[in-house]
Full PDB file with SEQRES, HELIX, SHEET, SSBOND, CRYST1, ORIGX, SCALE, CONECT and MASTER records, all heavy atoms in Angstrom:
SEQRES   1 A   34  LEU ALA GLY GLY GLY ASN LEU ARG VAL ALA ARG GLY SER          
SEQRES   2 A   34  SER PHE ASP ILE PRO ASP ALA ASN THR VAL ARG LEU ALA          
SEQRES   3 A   34  SER GLY GLU LEU TYR VAL ASP ILE                              
SHEET    1 AA1 2 ASN A   6  VAL A   9  0                                        
SHEET    2 AA1 2 LEU A  30  ASP A  33 -1                                        
SHEET    1 AA2 2 SER A  14  ASP A  19  0                                        
SHEET    2 AA2 2 THR A  22  SER A  27 -1                                        
CRYST1    1.000    1.000    1.000  90.00  90.00  90.00 P 1           1          
ORIGX1      1.000000  0.000000  0.000000        0.00000                         
ORIGX2      0.000000  1.000000  0.000000        0.00000                         
ORIGX3      0.000000  0.000000  1.000000        0.00000                         
SCALE1      1.000000  0.000000  0.000000        0.00000                         
SCALE2      0.000000  1.000000  0.000000        0.00000                         
SCALE3      0.000000  0.000000  1.000000        0.00000                         
ATOM      1  N   LEU A   1      55.492  70.197 -27.162  1.00  0.00           N  
ATOM      2  CA  LEU A   1      54.302  70.477 -27.848  1.00  0.00           C  
ATOM      3  C   LEU A   1      53.099  69.938 -27.055  1.00  0.00           C  
ATOM      4  O   LEU A   1      53.104  68.836 -26.516  1.00  0.00           O  
ATOM      5  CB  LEU A   1      54.321  69.788 -29.198  1.00  0.00           C  
ATOM      6  CG  LEU A   1      55.344  70.357 -30.205  1.00  0.00           C  
ATOM      7  CD1 LEU A   1      55.408  69.510 -31.486  1.00  0.00           C  
ATOM      8  CD2 LEU A   1      55.065  71.833 -30.528  1.00  0.00           C  
ATOM      9  N   ALA A   2      52.045  70.736 -26.950  1.00  0.00           N  
ATOM     10  CA  ALA A   2      50.864  70.441 -26.191  1.00  0.00           C  
ATOM     11  C   ALA A   2      50.190  69.136 -26.639  1.00  0.00           C  
ATOM     12  O   ALA A   2      49.617  68.426 -25.852  1.00  0.00           O  
ATOM     13  CB  ALA A   2      49.851  71.594 -26.145  1.00  0.00           C  
ATOM     14  N   GLY A   3      50.176  68.858 -27.917  1.00  0.00           N  
ATOM     15  CA  GLY A   3      49.523  67.713 -28.506  1.00  0.00           C  
ATOM     16  C   GLY A   3      50.371  66.450 -28.490  1.00  0.00           C  
ATOM     17  O   GLY A   3      49.936  65.396 -28.928  1.00  0.00           O  
ATOM     18  N   GLY A   4      51.659  66.578 -28.076  1.00  0.00           N  
ATOM     19  CA  GLY A   4      52.569  65.432 -28.042  1.00  0.00           C  
ATOM     20  C   GLY A   4      53.755  65.696 -28.930  1.00  0.00           C  
ATOM     21  O   GLY A   4      53.691  66.334 -29.971  1.00  0.00           O  
ATOM     22  N   GLY A   5      54.922  65.197 -28.494  1.00  0.00           N  
ATOM     23  CA  GLY A   5      56.181  65.477 -29.225  1.00  0.00           C  
ATOM     24  C   GLY A   5      56.856  66.722 -28.768  1.00  0.00           C  
ATOM     25  O   GLY A   5      56.461  67.373 -27.808  1.00  0.00           O  
ATOM     26  N   ASN A   6      57.935  67.086 -29.519  1.00  0.00           N  
ATOM     27  CA  ASN A   6      58.661  68.341 -29.135  1.00  0.00           C  
ATOM     28  C   ASN A   6      59.158  69.003 -30.426  1.00  0.00           C  
ATOM     29  O   ASN A   6      59.286  68.415 -31.462  1.00  0.00           O  
ATOM     30  CB  ASN A   6      59.752  68.012 -28.159  1.00  0.00           C  
ATOM     31  CG  ASN A   6      60.856  67.076 -28.723  1.00  0.00           C  
ATOM     32  OD1 ASN A   6      61.760  67.597 -29.449  1.00  0.00           O  
ATOM     33  ND2 ASN A   6      60.740  65.773 -28.464  1.00  0.00           N  
ATOM     34  N   LEU A   7      59.517  70.212 -30.223  1.00  0.00           N  
ATOM     35  CA  LEU A   7      60.045  71.112 -31.277  1.00  0.00           C  
ATOM     36  C   LEU A   7      61.324  71.748 -30.799  1.00  0.00           C  
ATOM     37  O   LEU A   7      61.395  72.286 -29.688  1.00  0.00           O  
ATOM     38  CB  LEU A   7      58.996  72.231 -31.590  1.00  0.00           C  
ATOM     39  CG  LEU A   7      59.410  73.084 -32.786  1.00  0.00           C  
ATOM     40  CD1 LEU A   7      59.426  72.345 -34.105  1.00  0.00           C  
ATOM     41  CD2 LEU A   7      58.339  74.281 -32.849  1.00  0.00           C  
ATOM     42  N   ARG A   8      62.430  71.565 -31.568  1.00  0.00           N  
ATOM     43  CA  ARG A   8      63.714  72.186 -31.171  1.00  0.00           C  
ATOM     44  C   ARG A   8      64.048  73.178 -32.200  1.00  0.00           C  
ATOM     45  O   ARG A   8      64.033  72.974 -33.412  1.00  0.00           O  
ATOM     46  CB  ARG A   8      64.758  71.099 -31.185  1.00  0.00           C  
ATOM     47  CG  ARG A   8      64.339  69.866 -30.264  1.00  0.00           C  
ATOM     48  CD  ARG A   8      65.264  68.717 -30.397  1.00  0.00           C  
ATOM     49  NE  ARG A   8      64.585  67.461 -29.992  1.00  0.00           N  
ATOM     50  CZ  ARG A   8      65.166  66.291 -29.863  1.00  0.00           C  
ATOM     51  NH1 ARG A   8      66.431  66.137 -30.143  1.00  0.00           N  
ATOM     52  NH2 ARG A   8      64.409  65.230 -29.545  1.00  0.00           N  
ATOM     53  N   VAL A   9      64.379  74.410 -31.682  1.00  0.00           N  
ATOM     54  CA  VAL A   9      64.589  75.584 -32.556  1.00  0.00           C  
ATOM     55  C   VAL A   9      65.992  76.093 -32.376  1.00  0.00           C  
ATOM     56  O   VAL A   9      66.420  76.410 -31.180  1.00  0.00           O  
ATOM     57  CB  VAL A   9      63.536  76.676 -32.281  1.00  0.00           C  
ATOM     58  CG1 VAL A   9      63.610  77.720 -33.390  1.00  0.00           C  
ATOM     59  CG2 VAL A   9      62.096  76.066 -32.187  1.00  0.00           C  
ATOM     60  N   ALA A  10      66.756  76.264 -33.478  1.00  0.00           N  
ATOM     61  CA  ALA A  10      68.135  76.773 -33.396  1.00  0.00           C  
ATOM     62  C   ALA A  10      68.116  78.231 -33.136  1.00  0.00           C  
ATOM     63  O   ALA A  10      67.285  78.997 -33.623  1.00  0.00           O  
ATOM     64  CB  ALA A  10      68.860  76.425 -34.595  1.00  0.00           C  
ATOM     65  N   ARG A  11      69.209  78.647 -32.515  1.00  0.00           N  
ATOM     66  CA  ARG A  11      69.408  80.088 -32.243  1.00  0.00           C  
ATOM     67  C   ARG A  11      69.473  80.847 -33.576  1.00  0.00           C  
ATOM     68  O   ARG A  11      69.879  80.343 -34.622  1.00  0.00           O  
ATOM     69  CB  ARG A  11      70.674  80.278 -31.538  1.00  0.00           C  
ATOM     70  CG  ARG A  11      72.036  80.036 -32.277  1.00  0.00           C  
ATOM     71  CD  ARG A  11      73.252  80.149 -31.397  1.00  0.00           C  
ATOM     72  NE  ARG A  11      73.221  79.223 -30.297  1.00  0.00           N  
ATOM     73  CZ  ARG A  11      73.690  79.439 -29.075  1.00  0.00           C  
ATOM     74  NH1 ARG A  11      74.149  80.669 -28.787  1.00  0.00           N  
ATOM     75  NH2 ARG A  11      73.615  78.537 -28.156  1.00  0.00           N  
ATOM     76  N   GLY A  12      68.984  82.091 -33.490  1.00  0.00           N  
ATOM     77  CA  GLY A  12      68.882  82.891 -34.695  1.00  0.00           C  
ATOM     78  C   GLY A  12      67.659  82.642 -35.613  1.00  0.00           C  
ATOM     79  O   GLY A  12      67.512  83.183 -36.667  1.00  0.00           O  
ATOM     80  N   SER A  13      66.715  81.885 -35.058  1.00  0.00           N  
ATOM     81  CA  SER A  13      65.524  81.489 -35.872  1.00  0.00           C  
ATOM     82  C   SER A  13      64.404  82.487 -35.553  1.00  0.00           C  
ATOM     83  O   SER A  13      64.342  82.972 -34.424  1.00  0.00           O  
ATOM     84  CB  SER A  13      65.119  80.040 -35.537  1.00  0.00           C  
ATOM     85  OG  SER A  13      66.097  79.141 -35.976  1.00  0.00           O  
ATOM     86  N   SER A  14      63.442  82.594 -36.408  1.00  0.00           N  
ATOM     87  CA  SER A  14      62.266  83.354 -36.183  1.00  0.00           C  
ATOM     88  C   SER A  14      61.072  82.587 -36.777  1.00  0.00           C  
ATOM     89  O   SER A  14      61.150  82.069 -37.904  1.00  0.00           O  
ATOM     90  CB  SER A  14      62.379  84.721 -36.930  1.00  0.00           C  
ATOM     91  OG  SER A  14      61.200  85.482 -36.849  1.00  0.00           O  
ATOM     92  N   PHE A  15      59.977  82.515 -35.940  1.00  0.00           N  
ATOM     93  CA  PHE A  15      58.797  81.770 -36.427  1.00  0.00           C  
ATOM     94  C   PHE A  15      57.566  82.333 -35.796  1.00  0.00           C  
ATOM     95  O   PHE A  15      57.641  82.987 -34.809  1.00  0.00           O  
ATOM     96  CB  PHE A  15      58.990  80.247 -36.210  1.00  0.00           C  
ATOM     97  CG  PHE A  15      58.861  79.857 -34.760  1.00  0.00           C  
ATOM     98  CD1 PHE A  15      57.651  79.359 -34.211  1.00  0.00           C  
ATOM     99  CD2 PHE A  15      59.986  79.912 -33.905  1.00  0.00           C  
ATOM    100  CE1 PHE A  15      57.609  78.983 -32.889  1.00  0.00           C  
ATOM    101  CE2 PHE A  15      59.877  79.549 -32.529  1.00  0.00           C  
ATOM    102  CZ  PHE A  15      58.670  79.076 -32.048  1.00  0.00           C  
ATOM    103  N   ASP A  16      56.426  81.955 -36.344  1.00  0.00           N  
ATOM    104  CA  ASP A  16      55.143  82.325 -35.731  1.00  0.00           C  
ATOM    105  C   ASP A  16      54.191  81.123 -35.711  1.00  0.00           C  
ATOM    106  O   ASP A  16      54.454  80.117 -36.399  1.00  0.00           O  
ATOM    107  CB  ASP A  16      54.536  83.537 -36.399  1.00  0.00           C  
ATOM    108  CG  ASP A  16      54.081  83.285 -37.797  1.00  0.00           C  
ATOM    109  OD1 ASP A  16      54.926  83.345 -38.688  1.00  0.00           O  
ATOM    110  OD2 ASP A  16      52.951  83.016 -38.015  1.00  0.00           O  
ATOM    111  N   ILE A  17      53.097  81.206 -34.984  1.00  0.00           N  
ATOM    112  CA  ILE A  17      52.178  80.118 -34.798  1.00  0.00           C  
ATOM    113  C   ILE A  17      50.837  80.576 -35.308  1.00  0.00           C  
ATOM    114  O   ILE A  17      50.024  81.226 -34.631  1.00  0.00           O  
ATOM    115  CB  ILE A  17      52.101  79.744 -33.255  1.00  0.00           C  
ATOM    116  CG1 ILE A  17      53.450  79.497 -32.761  1.00  0.00           C  
ATOM    117  CG2 ILE A  17      51.160  78.529 -33.121  1.00  0.00           C  
ATOM    118  CD1 ILE A  17      53.492  79.247 -31.234  1.00  0.00           C  
ATOM    119  N   PRO A  18      50.495  80.275 -36.556  1.00  0.00           N  
ATOM    120  CA  PRO A  18      49.258  80.688 -37.176  1.00  0.00           C  
ATOM    121  C   PRO A  18      47.998  79.953 -36.676  1.00  0.00           C  
ATOM    122  O   PRO A  18      46.866  80.406 -36.690  1.00  0.00           O  
ATOM    123  CB  PRO A  18      49.408  80.503 -38.672  1.00  0.00           C  
ATOM    124  CG  PRO A  18      50.458  79.424 -38.758  1.00  0.00           C  
ATOM    125  CD  PRO A  18      51.403  79.592 -37.626  1.00  0.00           C  
ATOM    126  N   ASP A  19      48.170  78.632 -36.211  1.00  0.00           N  
ATOM    127  CA  ASP A  19      47.111  77.888 -35.616  1.00  0.00           C  
ATOM    128  C   ASP A  19      47.627  76.855 -34.784  1.00  0.00           C  
ATOM    129  O   ASP A  19      48.828  76.717 -34.557  1.00  0.00           O  
ATOM    130  CB  ASP A  19      46.128  77.356 -36.721  1.00  0.00           C  
ATOM    131  CG  ASP A  19      46.756  76.327 -37.651  1.00  0.00           C  
ATOM    132  OD1 ASP A  19      47.415  75.352 -37.134  1.00  0.00           O  
ATOM    133  OD2 ASP A  19      46.694  76.475 -38.888  1.00  0.00           O  
ATOM    134  N   ALA A  20      46.750  76.062 -34.126  1.00  0.00           N  
ATOM    135  CA  ALA A  20      47.113  75.074 -33.077  1.00  0.00           C  
ATOM    136  C   ALA A  20      48.027  73.980 -33.547  1.00  0.00           C  
ATOM    137  O   ALA A  20      48.683  73.295 -32.729  1.00  0.00           O  
ATOM    138  CB  ALA A  20      45.904  74.577 -32.413  1.00  0.00           C  
ATOM    139  N   ASN A  21      48.129  73.739 -34.870  1.00  0.00           N  
ATOM    140  CA  ASN A  21      48.839  72.597 -35.388  1.00  0.00           C  
ATOM    141  C   ASN A  21      49.972  73.042 -36.395  1.00  0.00           C  
ATOM    142  O   ASN A  21      50.465  72.220 -37.167  1.00  0.00           O  
ATOM    143  CB  ASN A  21      47.931  71.569 -36.066  1.00  0.00           C  
ATOM    144  CG  ASN A  21      46.946  70.971 -35.012  1.00  0.00           C  
ATOM    145  OD1 ASN A  21      47.358  70.433 -33.998  1.00  0.00           O  
ATOM    146  ND2 ASN A  21      45.646  71.095 -35.261  1.00  0.00           N  
ATOM    147  N   THR A  22      50.287  74.312 -36.401  1.00  0.00           N  
ATOM    148  CA  THR A  22      51.150  74.804 -37.446  1.00  0.00           C  
ATOM    149  C   THR A  22      52.171  75.766 -36.903  1.00  0.00           C  
ATOM    150  O   THR A  22      51.800  76.656 -36.060  1.00  0.00           O  
ATOM    151  CB  THR A  22      50.351  75.475 -38.584  1.00  0.00           C  
ATOM    152  OG1 THR A  22      49.360  74.567 -39.055  1.00  0.00           O  
ATOM    153  CG2 THR A  22      51.277  75.874 -39.707  1.00  0.00           C  
ATOM    154  N   VAL A  23      53.423  75.705 -37.376  1.00  0.00           N  
ATOM    155  CA  VAL A  23      54.369  76.762 -37.116  1.00  0.00           C  
ATOM    156  C   VAL A  23      54.880  77.201 -38.487  1.00  0.00           C  
ATOM    157  O   VAL A  23      55.009  76.394 -39.399  1.00  0.00           O  
ATOM    158  CB  VAL A  23      55.556  76.356 -36.263  1.00  0.00           C  
ATOM    159  CG1 VAL A  23      55.093  75.963 -34.878  1.00  0.00           C  
ATOM    160  CG2 VAL A  23      56.340  75.146 -36.865  1.00  0.00           C  
ATOM    161  N   ARG A  24      55.145  78.536 -38.601  1.00  0.00           N  
ATOM    162  CA  ARG A  24      55.578  79.075 -39.881  1.00  0.00           C  
ATOM    163  C   ARG A  24      57.028  79.591 -39.665  1.00  0.00           C  
ATOM    164  O   ARG A  24      57.184  80.557 -38.880  1.00  0.00           O  
ATOM    165  CB  ARG A  24      54.629  80.126 -40.370  1.00  0.00           C  
ATOM    166  CG  ARG A  24      55.048  80.763 -41.726  1.00  0.00           C  
ATOM    167  CD  ARG A  24      53.896  81.563 -42.278  1.00  0.00           C  
ATOM    168  NE  ARG A  24      53.247  82.418 -41.243  1.00  0.00           N  
ATOM    169  CZ  ARG A  24      52.052  82.891 -41.434  1.00  0.00           C  
ATOM    170  NH1 ARG A  24      51.290  82.572 -42.427  1.00  0.00           N  
ATOM    171  NH2 ARG A  24      51.566  83.704 -40.437  1.00  0.00           N  
ATOM    172  N   LEU A  25      57.970  79.029 -40.380  1.00  0.00           N  
ATOM    173  CA  LEU A  25      59.380  79.411 -40.174  1.00  0.00           C  
ATOM    174  C   LEU A  25      59.765  80.551 -41.097  1.00  0.00           C  
ATOM    175  O   LEU A  25      59.589  80.384 -42.350  1.00  0.00           O  
ATOM    176  CB  LEU A  25      60.270  78.145 -40.408  1.00  0.00           C  
ATOM    177  CG  LEU A  25      61.769  78.342 -40.226  1.00  0.00           C  
ATOM    178  CD1 LEU A  25      62.072  78.616 -38.746  1.00  0.00           C  
ATOM    179  CD2 LEU A  25      62.498  77.101 -40.681  1.00  0.00           C  
ATOM    180  N   ALA A  26      60.208  81.613 -40.561  1.00  0.00           N  
ATOM    181  CA  ALA A  26      60.647  82.781 -41.352  1.00  0.00           C  
ATOM    182  C   ALA A  26      62.087  82.783 -41.622  1.00  0.00           C  
ATOM    183  O   ALA A  26      62.528  83.144 -42.683  1.00  0.00           O  
ATOM    184  CB  ALA A  26      60.240  84.068 -40.693  1.00  0.00           C  
ATOM    185  N   SER A  27      62.897  82.284 -40.707  1.00  0.00           N  
ATOM    186  CA  SER A  27      64.321  82.165 -40.783  1.00  0.00           C  
ATOM    187  C   SER A  27      64.884  81.223 -39.821  1.00  0.00           C  
ATOM    188  O   SER A  27      64.237  80.922 -38.784  1.00  0.00           O  
ATOM    189  CB  SER A  27      64.969  83.563 -40.600  1.00  0.00           C  
ATOM    190  OG  SER A  27      64.804  84.007 -39.285  1.00  0.00           O  
ATOM    191  N   GLY A  28      66.077  80.647 -40.100  1.00  0.00           N  
ATOM    192  CA  GLY A  28      66.702  79.774 -39.125  1.00  0.00           C  
ATOM    193  C   GLY A  28      66.352  78.305 -39.443  1.00  0.00           C  
ATOM    194  O   GLY A  28      66.086  77.867 -40.573  1.00  0.00           O  
ATOM    195  N   GLU A  29      66.372  77.535 -38.343  1.00  0.00           N  
ATOM    196  CA  GLU A  29      66.216  76.048 -38.465  1.00  0.00           C  
ATOM    197  C   GLU A  29      65.473  75.489 -37.286  1.00  0.00           C  
ATOM    198  O   GLU A  29      65.606  75.977 -36.107  1.00  0.00           O  
ATOM    199  CB  GLU A  29      67.593  75.383 -38.521  1.00  0.00           C  
ATOM    200  CG  GLU A  29      67.586  73.879 -38.692  1.00  0.00           C  
ATOM    201  CD  GLU A  29      69.017  73.314 -38.899  1.00  0.00           C  
ATOM    202  OE1 GLU A  29      70.000  74.084 -38.807  1.00  0.00           O  
ATOM    203  OE2 GLU A  29      69.072  72.104 -39.209  1.00  0.00           O  
ATOM    204  N   LEU A  30      64.667  74.464 -37.506  1.00  0.00           N  
ATOM    205  CA  LEU A  30      63.935  73.802 -36.449  1.00  0.00           C  
ATOM    206  C   LEU A  30      63.938  72.293 -36.722  1.00  0.00           C  
ATOM    207  O   LEU A  30      64.168  71.818 -37.843  1.00  0.00           O  
ATOM    208  CB  LEU A  30      62.573  74.330 -36.215  1.00  0.00           C  
ATOM    209  CG  LEU A  30      61.554  74.411 -37.431  1.00  0.00           C  
ATOM    210  CD1 LEU A  30      60.969  73.067 -37.722  1.00  0.00           C  
ATOM    211  CD2 LEU A  30      60.495  75.395 -37.070  1.00  0.00           C  
ATOM    212  N   TYR A  31      63.678  71.536 -35.621  1.00  0.00           N  
ATOM    213  CA  TYR A  31      63.693  70.114 -35.668  1.00  0.00           C  
ATOM    214  C   TYR A  31      62.379  69.591 -34.970  1.00  0.00           C  
ATOM    215  O   TYR A  31      62.145  69.984 -33.880  1.00  0.00           O  
ATOM    216  CB  TYR A  31      64.884  69.554 -34.935  1.00  0.00           C  
ATOM    217  CG  TYR A  31      65.057  68.068 -34.811  1.00  0.00           C  
ATOM    218  CD1 TYR A  31      65.704  67.337 -35.754  1.00  0.00           C  
ATOM    219  CD2 TYR A  31      64.511  67.394 -33.732  1.00  0.00           C  
ATOM    220  CE1 TYR A  31      65.926  65.930 -35.671  1.00  0.00           C  
ATOM    221  CE2 TYR A  31      64.673  65.983 -33.587  1.00  0.00           C  
ATOM    222  CZ  TYR A  31      65.342  65.283 -34.504  1.00  0.00           C  
ATOM    223  OH  TYR A  31      65.498  63.955 -34.375  1.00  0.00           O  
ATOM    224  N   VAL A  32      61.586  68.833 -35.727  1.00  0.00           N  
ATOM    225  CA  VAL A  32      60.329  68.336 -35.240  1.00  0.00           C  
ATOM    226  C   VAL A  32      60.531  66.830 -34.809  1.00  0.00           C  
ATOM    227  O   VAL A  32      60.998  66.053 -35.594  1.00  0.00           O  
ATOM    228  CB  VAL A  32      59.279  68.421 -36.297  1.00  0.00           C  
ATOM    229  CG1 VAL A  32      57.929  67.839 -35.745  1.00  0.00           C  
ATOM    230  CG2 VAL A  32      59.113  69.838 -36.784  1.00  0.00           C  
ATOM    231  N   ASP A  33      60.094  66.538 -33.592  1.00  0.00           N  
ATOM    232  CA  ASP A  33      60.142  65.133 -33.092  1.00  0.00           C  
ATOM    233  C   ASP A  33      58.767  64.714 -32.649  1.00  0.00           C  
ATOM    234  O   ASP A  33      58.251  65.106 -31.629  1.00  0.00           O  
ATOM    235  CB  ASP A  33      61.120  65.041 -31.935  1.00  0.00           C  
ATOM    236  CG  ASP A  33      61.166  63.655 -31.356  1.00  0.00           C  
ATOM    237  OD1 ASP A  33      60.620  62.667 -31.933  1.00  0.00           O  
ATOM    238  OD2 ASP A  33      61.793  63.463 -30.300  1.00  0.00           O  
ATOM    239  N   ILE A  34      58.038  63.946 -33.514  1.00  0.00           N  
ATOM    240  CA  ILE A  34      56.697  63.425 -33.243  1.00  0.00           C  
ATOM    241  C   ILE A  34      56.755  61.959 -33.263  1.00  0.00           C  
ATOM    242  O   ILE A  34      56.729  61.296 -34.265  1.00  0.00           O  
ATOM    243  CB  ILE A  34      55.645  63.997 -34.230  1.00  0.00           C  
ATOM    244  CG1 ILE A  34      55.720  65.483 -34.429  1.00  0.00           C  
ATOM    245  CG2 ILE A  34      54.262  63.486 -33.791  1.00  0.00           C  
ATOM    246  CD1 ILE A  34      55.279  66.314 -33.315  1.00  0.00           C  
TER     247      ILE A  34                                                      
MASTER        0    0    0    0    4    0    0    6  246    1    0    3          
END                                                                             
């Protein structure tokens, strides 16, 4: 992540980025490490 930390996204996931500080998960799984 550009602002610090990392994002881990599992295979089969779908997401979009509506703004600089947000992700929107449509399906699957993700892990946020801040």
